[in-house]
Structure formats: C-alpha cells, structure tokens
Amino acid sequence: MNRSLENLLRTLVGVHIGSWDLKLSIAEFAYNSSINRSTGKSPHEIVCDFRPRQSIDLIPMVDHYRVSESASFFATHKHELYKVINDKIRQKNFDYKLRANVRRKFKTFDIGDLVMVRIRPERFPPGTVKKLHARSAGPFKILTKLNDNVYVIDFPEDFRINPTFNIEDLVEIQGSKF
C-alpha cells in the first residue's frame, strides 16, 4: 500500500482501528482525486481523462443565488492578471525572436548553384570521418529544391550518405553556377 494512502487511512480511522475497512473506500477516493504536484493532475484524471465527481458536485444548485462581490472582484482581478501576464510573455517571446534573428541569414539557393557542404560526423558511417578531416566538402551542384530549407545535392555515391541537406549545412560559393 502506498505510504501516503496509509497515512490518510490512519487519519480517517483515528482511534477506531476496527473500522478501517469501512473507511478504505473514502481514503482511496481522496487519494485518487488529490492532485499530484509533479503532474498537476490526479491519478483518476490521468487514467480516466476527467476529474472525479465529488459530493459537492452532486448537490443541486438553487435557481436564485446571490453573487459574492468579493468573489466576483477576485475572479475579475485574476482574469485581468492572467491577460497581462499572457501579453507580457507574448511580448518577451517576440523580442527574443527579434534578437535571435538579427544574425540569422535568410538565404535560399536555386537549382544549379554551387555549394560547400558542412561535414557532420553523425551523418556519416562510424569511423569514416575523423577529427582532423576537412570540415566541409565540395563544391557540389544543387539538383533539387524541396523547399526553402531542404535541398538535394549532386553528392558522390562513395560518401554513402543521403544527398538531402538542410540549409544550415550548406555554404554558397560566390559567383558560380553550372
């Protein structure tokens, strides 16, 4: 039995040790509906994908009820606070994107352009690329443009890798076309 469930059951039973079996279902329900700090969900929610109904949910609501002014103010304040925080997060993300894109090169290639290919050891079979090998190979001709980020290169067969490359692995050779 789970340690926290044992403690919960011990609390419910108290001095009436003989009635533990009558309180077990209450303890189990309380444990399964309590929200876990790590997941942010209860065990019941994780398994069944919805929150379990509690006794307060089963009480019928009256047609006429009085709204608490302080509760209404608190709810309005929370909604406004969440909106302000959400706007600040969006603005910070936008600012971060602008700063990150300052040095980014938005370059595209055309079919027939000559490029150098950056050699990444993880793309090649193990043991074929060593530390002291050249960091780029080429020039190679661009055969196909799949989209602005992906190109197919006229790559020799003896390299034994896929000839499709991301733009970040390609460097343009100035002033050359086939």
C-alpha atoms as a PDB file:
ATOM      1  CA  MET A   1       0.000   0.000   0.000  1.00  0.00           C
ATOM      2  CA  ASN A   2       1.197   3.499  -0.796  1.00  0.00           C
ATOM      3  CA  ARG A   3       2.699   5.365   2.190  1.00  0.00           C
ATOM      4  CA  SER A   4       0.523   8.472   1.737  1.00  0.00           C
ATOM      5  CA  LEU A   5      -2.593   6.290   1.433  1.00  0.00           C
ATOM      6  CA  GLU A   6      -1.645   4.555   4.694  1.00  0.00           C
ATOM      7  CA  ASN A   7      -1.275   7.922   6.442  1.00  0.00           C
ATOM      8  CA  LEU A   8      -4.598   9.105   5.040  1.00  0.00           C
ATOM      9  CA  LEU A   9      -6.332   5.918   6.223  1.00  0.00           C
ATOM     10  CA  ARG A  10      -4.688   6.203   9.652  1.00  0.00           C
ATOM     11  CA  THR A  11      -6.023   9.773   9.927  1.00  0.00           C
ATOM     12  CA  LEU A  12      -9.562   8.744   8.941  1.00  0.00           C
ATOM     13  CA  VAL A  13      -9.672   5.738  11.271  1.00  0.00           C
ATOM     14  CA  GLY A  14      -8.235   7.524  14.303  1.00  0.00           C
ATOM     15  CA  VAL A  15      -8.773   5.534  17.495  1.00  0.00           C
ATOM     16  CA  HIS A  16     -11.425   3.252  15.933  1.00  0.00           C
ATOM     17  CA  ILE A  17      -8.962   0.767  14.459  1.00  0.00           C
ATOM     18  CA  GLY A  18     -11.633  -1.859  13.858  1.00  0.00           C
ATOM     19  CA  SER A  19     -13.429   0.316  11.288  1.00  0.00           C
ATOM     20  CA  TRP A  20     -10.538   0.675   8.840  1.00  0.00           C
ATOM     21  CA  ASP A  21     -12.277  -1.459   6.201  1.00  0.00           C
ATOM     22  CA  LEU A  22     -15.280   0.903   6.212  1.00  0.00           C
ATOM     23  CA  LYS A  23     -13.036   3.941   5.641  1.00  0.00           C
ATOM     24  CA  LEU A  24     -10.845   2.373   2.942  1.00  0.00           C
ATOM     25  CA  SER A  25     -13.056   3.445   0.032  1.00  0.00           C
ATOM     26  CA  ILE A  26     -13.119   7.043   1.328  1.00  0.00           C
ATOM     27  CA  ALA A  27      -9.329   7.067   1.665  1.00  0.00           C
ATOM     28  CA  GLU A  28      -8.902   5.582  -1.810  1.00  0.00           C
ATOM     29  CA  PHE A  29     -11.230   8.170  -3.356  1.00  0.00           C
ATOM     30  CA  ALA A  30      -9.439  11.001  -1.552  1.00  0.00           C
ATOM     31  CA  TYR A  31      -6.038   9.710  -2.738  1.00  0.00           C
ATOM     32  CA  ASN A  32      -7.143   9.155  -6.341  1.00  0.00           C
ATOM     33  CA  SER A  33      -8.740  12.601  -6.587  1.00  0.00           C
ATOM     34  CA  SER A  34      -5.866  14.551  -4.983  1.00  0.00           C
ATOM     35  CA  ILE A  35      -3.725  16.483  -7.445  1.00  0.00           C
ATOM     36  CA  ASN A  36      -0.109  15.396  -7.767  1.00  0.00           C
ATOM     37  CA  ARG A  37       2.467  18.190  -7.542  1.00  0.00           C
ATOM     38  CA  SER A  38       4.624  16.838 -10.398  1.00  0.00           C
ATOM     39  CA  THR A  39       1.939  16.017 -12.949  1.00  0.00           C
ATOM     40  CA  GLY A  40      -0.599  18.661 -11.981  1.00  0.00           C
ATOM     41  CA  LYS A  41      -3.317  16.009 -12.304  1.00  0.00           C
ATOM     42  CA  SER A  42      -4.895  13.461 -10.015  1.00  0.00           C
ATOM     43  CA  PRO A  43      -4.316   9.714 -10.569  1.00  0.00           C
ATOM     44  CA  HIS A  44      -8.004   9.401 -11.545  1.00  0.00           C
ATOM     45  CA  GLU A  45      -7.609  12.200 -14.109  1.00  0.00           C
ATOM     46  CA  ILE A  46      -4.534  10.535 -15.613  1.00  0.00           C
ATOM     47  CA  VAL A  47      -6.244   7.164 -16.000  1.00  0.00           C
ATOM     48  CA  CYS A  48      -9.810   8.222 -16.891  1.00  0.00           C
ATOM     49  CA  ASP A  49      -9.075  11.616 -18.503  1.00  0.00           C
ATOM     50  CA  PHE A  50     -11.617  13.517 -16.377  1.00  0.00           C
ATOM     51  CA  ARG A  51     -11.888  14.720 -12.793  1.00  0.00           C
ATOM     52  CA  PRO A  52     -13.966  12.535 -10.475  1.00  0.00           C
ATOM     53  CA  ARG A  53     -17.230  13.951  -9.201  1.00  0.00           C
ATOM     54  CA  GLN A  54     -17.238  14.817  -5.540  1.00  0.00           C
ATOM     55  CA  SER A  55     -20.207  15.059  -3.238  1.00  0.00           C
ATOM     56  CA  ILE A  56     -20.345  18.839  -3.627  1.00  0.00           C
ATOM     57  CA  ASP A  57     -20.815  18.340  -7.390  1.00  0.00           C
ATOM     58  CA  LEU A  58     -23.925  16.240  -6.774  1.00  0.00           C
ATOM     59  CA  ILE A  59     -25.772  18.884  -4.728  1.00  0.00           C
ATOM     60  CA  PRO A  60     -28.403  20.564  -6.932  1.00  0.00           C
ATOM     61  CA  MET A  61     -27.885  24.307  -7.367  1.00  0.00           C
ATOM     62  CA  VAL A  62     -30.707  26.654  -6.488  1.00  0.00           C
ATOM     63  CA  ASP A  63     -32.172  28.745  -9.280  1.00  0.00           C
ATOM     64  CA  HIS A  64     -31.683  32.001  -7.430  1.00  0.00           C
ATOM     65  CA  TYR A  65     -28.365  32.661  -5.771  1.00  0.00           C
ATOM     66  CA  ARG A  66     -26.540  35.734  -4.605  1.00  0.00           C
ATOM     67  CA  VAL A  67     -23.134  36.513  -6.101  1.00  0.00           C
ATOM     68  CA  SER A  68     -20.464  37.465  -3.643  1.00  0.00           C
ATOM     69  CA  GLU A  69     -18.975  40.822  -4.552  1.00  0.00           C
ATOM     70  CA  SER A  70     -15.563  39.897  -3.197  1.00  0.00           C
ATOM     71  CA  ALA A  71     -15.534  36.598  -5.130  1.00  0.00           C
ATOM     72  CA  SER A  72     -16.610  38.380  -8.300  1.00  0.00           C
ATOM     73  CA  PHE A  73     -13.907  41.035  -7.818  1.00  0.00           C
ATOM     74  CA  PHE A  74     -11.308  38.343  -7.135  1.00  0.00           C
ATOM     75  CA  ALA A  75     -12.269  36.396 -10.285  1.00  0.00           C
ATOM     76  CA  THR A  76     -12.182  39.559 -12.413  1.00  0.00           C
ATOM     77  CA  HIS A  77      -8.822  40.514 -10.935  1.00  0.00           C
ATOM     78  CA  LYS A  78      -7.400  37.036 -11.701  1.00  0.00           C
ATOM     79  CA  HIS A  79      -8.638  37.142 -15.309  1.00  0.00           C
ATOM     80  CA  GLU A  80      -7.083  40.568 -15.834  1.00  0.00           C
ATOM     81  CA  LEU A  81      -3.840  39.444 -14.203  1.00  0.00           C
ATOM     82  CA  TYR A  82      -3.640  36.351 -16.459  1.00  0.00           C
ATOM     83  CA  LYS A  83      -4.287  38.534 -19.507  1.00  0.00           C
ATOM     84  CA  VAL A  84      -1.489  40.947 -18.524  1.00  0.00           C
ATOM     85  CA  ILE A  85       0.923  38.066 -17.869  1.00  0.00           C
ATOM     86  CA  ASN A  86      -0.013  36.403 -21.163  1.00  0.00           C
ATOM     87  CA  ASP A  87       0.588  39.683 -23.030  1.00  0.00           C
ATOM     88  CA  LYS A  88       3.981  40.103 -21.327  1.00  0.00           C
ATOM     89  CA  ILE A  89       5.016  36.559 -22.267  1.00  0.00           C
ATOM     90  CA  ARG A  90       3.993  37.134 -25.895  1.00  0.00           C
ATOM     91  CA  GLN A  91       5.940  40.409 -25.990  1.00  0.00           C
ATOM     92  CA  LYS A  92       9.058  38.809 -24.447  1.00  0.00           C
ATOM     93  CA  ASN A  93       8.881  35.942 -26.959  1.00  0.00           C
ATOM     94  CA  PHE A  94       8.560  38.429 -29.815  1.00  0.00           C
ATOM     95  CA  ASP A  95      11.541  40.465 -28.502  1.00  0.00           C
ATOM     96  CA  TYR A  96      13.597  37.286 -28.105  1.00  0.00           C
ATOM     97  CA  LYS A  97      12.767  36.238 -31.663  1.00  0.00           C
ATOM     98  CA  LEU A  98      13.860  39.633 -32.998  1.00  0.00           C
ATOM     99  CA  ARG A  99      17.187  39.436 -31.119  1.00  0.00           C
ATOM    100  CA  ALA A 100      17.759  35.841 -32.228  1.00  0.00           C
ATOM    101  CA  ASN A 101      17.060  36.643 -35.883  1.00  0.00           C
ATOM    102  CA  VAL A 102      19.427  39.629 -36.068  1.00  0.00           C
ATOM    103  CA  ARG A 103      22.386  37.488 -37.193  1.00  0.00           C
ATOM    104  CA  ARG A 104      20.377  34.773 -38.904  1.00  0.00           C
ATOM    105  CA  LYS A 105      20.952  34.500 -42.627  1.00  0.00           C
ATOM    106  CA  PHE A 106      17.795  34.098 -44.641  1.00  0.00           C
ATOM    107  CA  LYS A 107      19.435  32.616 -47.722  1.00  0.00           C
ATOM    108  CA  THR A 108      17.865  30.411 -50.353  1.00  0.00           C
ATOM    109  CA  PHE A 109      19.537  28.623 -53.227  1.00  0.00           C
ATOM    110  CA  ASP A 110      18.453  27.966 -56.793  1.00  0.00           C
ATOM    111  CA  ILE A 111      18.881  24.807 -58.823  1.00  0.00           C
ATOM    112  CA  GLY A 112      22.351  24.814 -60.324  1.00  0.00           C
ATOM    113  CA  ASP A 113      24.034  26.865 -57.574  1.00  0.00           C
ATOM    114  CA  LEU A 114      27.344  25.549 -56.282  1.00  0.00           C
ATOM    115  CA  VAL A 115      27.611  24.964 -52.543  1.00  0.00           C
ATOM    116  CA  MET A 116      30.019  23.597 -49.998  1.00  0.00           C
ATOM    117  CA  VAL A 117      28.559  21.019 -47.612  1.00  0.00           C
ATOM    118  CA  ARG A 118      29.406  21.122 -43.916  1.00  0.00           C
ATOM    119  CA  ILE A 119      30.550  17.694 -42.797  1.00  0.00           C
ATOM    120  CA  ARG A 120      28.891  16.418 -39.639  1.00  0.00           C
ATOM    121  CA  PRO A 121      30.350  13.163 -38.309  1.00  0.00           C
ATOM    122  CA  GLU A 122      26.911  11.914 -37.197  1.00  0.00           C
ATOM    123  CA  ARG A 123      25.703  11.834 -40.827  1.00  0.00           C
ATOM    124  CA  PHE A 124      28.496   9.532 -41.967  1.00  0.00           C
ATOM    125  CA  PRO A 125      29.043   5.843 -41.165  1.00  0.00           C
ATOM    126  CA  PRO A 126      31.036   5.352 -37.935  1.00  0.00           C
ATOM    127  CA  GLY A 127      34.798   5.653 -38.385  1.00  0.00           C
ATOM    128  CA  THR A 128      34.724   7.381 -41.798  1.00  0.00           C
ATOM    129  CA  VAL A 129      35.077  10.966 -40.532  1.00  0.00           C
ATOM    130  CA  LYS A 130      37.864  11.772 -38.085  1.00  0.00           C
ATOM    131  CA  LYS A 131      38.618  14.914 -36.089  1.00  0.00           C
ATOM    132  CA  LEU A 132      41.308  16.119 -38.458  1.00  0.00           C
ATOM    133  CA  HIS A 133      39.304  15.686 -41.668  1.00  0.00           C
ATOM    134  CA  ALA A 134      38.093  18.744 -43.540  1.00  0.00           C
ATOM    135  CA  ARG A 135      35.029  20.394 -42.062  1.00  0.00           C
ATOM    136  CA  SER A 136      33.404  20.925 -45.433  1.00  0.00           C
ATOM    137  CA  ALA A 137      33.351  19.222 -48.814  1.00  0.00           C
ATOM    138  CA  GLY A 138      32.562  20.485 -52.260  1.00  0.00           C
ATOM    139  CA  PRO A 139      31.778  22.254 -54.415  1.00  0.00           C
ATOM    140  CA  PHE A 140      28.572  20.398 -55.267  1.00  0.00           C
ATOM    141  CA  LYS A 141      25.712  21.369 -57.530  1.00  0.00           C
ATOM    142  CA  ILE A 142      22.152  21.747 -56.205  1.00  0.00           C
ATOM    143  CA  LEU A 143      19.929  19.320 -58.103  1.00  0.00           C
ATOM    144  CA  THR A 144      16.537  19.875 -56.473  1.00  0.00           C
ATOM    145  CA  LYS A 145      14.972  22.400 -54.126  1.00  0.00           C
ATOM    146  CA  LEU A 146      12.423  20.578 -51.937  1.00  0.00           C
ATOM    147  CA  ASN A 147      11.592  23.767 -50.012  1.00  0.00           C
ATOM    148  CA  ASP A 148      13.480  26.829 -48.724  1.00  0.00           C
ATOM    149  CA  ASN A 149      15.199  24.705 -46.051  1.00  0.00           C
ATOM    150  CA  VAL A 150      15.893  21.404 -47.829  1.00  0.00           C
ATOM    151  CA  TYR A 151      17.961  20.755 -50.951  1.00  0.00           C
ATOM    152  CA  VAL A 152      19.144  17.669 -52.843  1.00  0.00           C
ATOM    153  CA  ILE A 153      22.839  17.898 -53.755  1.00  0.00           C
ATOM    154  CA  ASP A 154      24.789  16.161 -56.525  1.00  0.00           C
ATOM    155  CA  PHE A 155      26.682  14.152 -53.939  1.00  0.00           C
ATOM    156  CA  PRO A 156      29.148  11.378 -54.883  1.00  0.00           C
ATOM    157  CA  GLU A 157      27.967   7.784 -54.255  1.00  0.00           C
ATOM    158  CA  ASP A 158      31.185   6.862 -52.414  1.00  0.00           C
ATOM    159  CA  PHE A 159      30.220   9.130 -49.483  1.00  0.00           C
ATOM    160  CA  ARG A 160      27.407   6.639 -48.706  1.00  0.00           C
ATOM    161  CA  ILE A 161      25.010   9.179 -47.178  1.00  0.00           C
ATOM    162  CA  ASN A 162      21.706  10.698 -48.221  1.00  0.00           C
ATOM    163  CA  PRO A 163      22.205  13.646 -50.613  1.00  0.00           C
ATOM    164  CA  THR A 164      19.390  15.681 -48.962  1.00  0.00           C
ATOM    165  CA  PHE A 165      20.681  18.541 -46.793  1.00  0.00           C
ATOM    166  CA  ASN A 166      19.269  21.249 -44.570  1.00  0.00           C
ATOM    167  CA  ILE A 167      20.193  24.812 -45.497  1.00  0.00           C
ATOM    168  CA  GLU A 168      22.238  25.217 -42.318  1.00  0.00           C
ATOM    169  CA  ASP A 169      24.720  22.633 -43.670  1.00  0.00           C
ATOM    170  CA  LEU A 170      25.192  24.478 -46.982  1.00  0.00           C
ATOM    171  CA  VAL A 171      27.528  27.376 -47.736  1.00  0.00           C
ATOM    172  CA  GLU A 172      27.240  29.276 -51.016  1.00  0.00           C
ATOM    173  CA  ILE A 173      30.227  29.598 -53.333  1.00  0.00           C
ATOM    174  CA  GLN A 174      30.067  33.150 -54.631  1.00  0.00           C
ATOM    175  CA  GLY A 175      29.677  33.787 -58.353  1.00  0.00           C
ATOM    176  CA  SER A 176      29.462  30.187 -59.618  1.00  0.00           C
ATOM    177  CA  LYS A 177      26.711  28.424 -61.480  1.00  0.00           C
ATOM    178  CA  PHE A 178      26.736  25.394 -63.725  1.00  0.00           C
END
